[in-house]
Protein backbone atom coordinates (compact mmCIF):
# COMPACT_ATOMS: atom_id res chain seq x y z
CA THR A 1 -0.04 -0.07 0.01
CA GLN A 2 1.25 3.29 -0.80
CA THR A 3 0.64 6.35 1.58
CA GLY A 4 1.87 9.60 0.01
CA SER A 5 5.56 8.93 -0.95
CA THR A 6 5.76 5.87 1.41
CA LEU A 7 5.51 2.31 0.35
CA GLU A 8 4.05 0.26 3.31
CA CYS A 9 5.57 -3.15 3.19
CA GLY A 10 4.93 -4.40 6.81
CA GLN A 11 6.76 -7.68 7.63
CA HIS A 12 6.49 -8.99 3.94
CA SER A 13 9.69 -9.81 1.89
CA TYR A 14 7.92 -9.87 -1.38
CA ILE A 15 5.46 -7.09 -2.56
CA LYS A 16 3.54 -6.82 -5.71
CA ALA A 17 2.88 -3.14 -5.78
CA GLN A 18 0.28 -1.09 -7.91
CA SER A 19 1.17 2.18 -9.62
CA SER A 20 2.67 4.84 -7.65
CA THR A 21 0.79 8.31 -7.39
CA GLY A 22 4.22 10.08 -7.22
CA ASN A 23 7.73 9.16 -6.41
CA ILE A 24 8.29 6.67 -3.82
CA THR A 25 10.89 8.03 -1.38
CA THR A 26 10.42 5.92 1.76
CA LEU A 27 10.12 2.22 2.33
CA ASN A 28 8.38 1.28 5.62
CA SER A 29 9.06 -2.29 6.71
CA THR A 30 9.56 -4.34 9.87
CA VAL A 31 12.01 -6.73 8.22
CA ASN A 32 15.24 -7.06 10.13
CA THR A 33 18.41 -5.22 9.19
CA GLY A 34 20.29 -7.32 6.54
CA GLU A 35 17.23 -8.77 5.25
CA PHE A 36 15.87 -8.20 1.71
CA ILE A 37 12.58 -6.82 0.21
CA THR A 38 11.68 -7.59 -3.32
CA ILE A 39 9.28 -5.30 -5.06
CA GLU A 40 7.43 -6.33 -8.25
CA ALA A 41 5.38 -3.84 -10.38
CA SER A 42 1.97 -5.34 -11.04
CA PHE A 43 0.06 -5.43 -14.16
CA LEU A 44 0.06 -2.10 -15.78
CA ALA A 45 1.93 -0.62 -12.90
CA ASN A 46 4.41 2.28 -12.95
CA LEU A 47 6.53 2.60 -9.80
CA VAL A 48 9.07 5.41 -9.58
CA PHE A 49 11.62 5.18 -6.79
CA ALA A 50 13.54 8.47 -5.74
CA LYS A 51 16.91 8.56 -4.06
CA THR A 52 15.61 10.49 -1.13
CA GLY A 53 14.05 9.51 2.17
CA ASN A 54 15.51 6.06 3.22
CA ILE A 55 15.98 4.80 -0.44
CA SER A 56 19.45 4.45 -1.86
CA PHE A 57 20.75 3.25 -5.16
CA PRO A 58 24.16 3.43 -6.95
CA GLY A 59 25.05 6.00 -9.69
CA THR A 60 24.05 9.59 -10.22
CA ARG A 61 20.31 9.05 -11.32
CA ALA A 62 17.78 10.67 -9.11
CA THR A 63 15.09 8.15 -9.84
CA PHE A 64 14.45 4.73 -11.52
CA THR A 65 11.18 3.28 -12.73
CA LEU A 66 9.79 -0.30 -12.62
CA THR A 67 7.01 -1.20 -14.94
CA THR A 68 4.78 -4.36 -15.36
CA GLY A 69 6.56 -7.38 -14.09
CA GLN A 70 9.87 -5.79 -13.46
CA VAL A 71 11.50 -6.42 -10.05
CA ALA A 72 13.80 -4.59 -7.68
CA ARG A 73 15.39 -5.96 -4.65
CA PHE A 74 16.56 -3.81 -1.63
CA ARG A 75 18.54 -4.75 1.50
CA LYS A 76 17.74 -3.12 4.78
CA MET A 77 20.86 -1.52 6.32
CA ASP A 78 21.57 0.52 9.46
CA ILE A 79 23.75 3.40 8.63
CA GLY A 80 24.58 5.75 11.46
CA GLY A 81 21.42 4.72 13.25
CA GLN A 82 19.29 5.42 10.17
CA GLN A 83 17.40 2.58 8.43
CA VAL A 84 18.29 2.60 4.79
CA PHE A 85 17.01 0.38 1.81
CA HIS A 86 19.79 0.04 -0.42
CA LEU A 87 19.03 -1.27 -4.11
CA VAL A 88 21.03 -4.44 -4.74
CA SER A 89 19.41 -5.73 -7.97
CA TYR A 90 16.69 -5.22 -10.41
CA VAL A 91 15.34 -6.97 -13.49
CA LYS A 92 14.30 -4.41 -16.23
CA SER A 93 12.85 -6.89 -18.75
CA ASN A 94 10.92 -10.13 -18.74
CA LEU A 95 11.86 -13.24 -20.76
């Protein structure tokens, strides 16, 4: 469920999400530090993640987008007492 710019993940490690109404800047999850969250864009979905809030990914891009069936995997990390979800992999195309 998306609330504003936050994607609510609860304790789930695999989430199939609907289209975002704006950039997703925060992941809210109760998984433990070091565990992974995998997010799949559902049918006709368009999920835009922004490198703000508690979301981090490599490179200089400010955002990245997942569309139908594409998957991103984030690892929950504790950096300086702050919970951060770092993008570790994504699949941009389906076979």
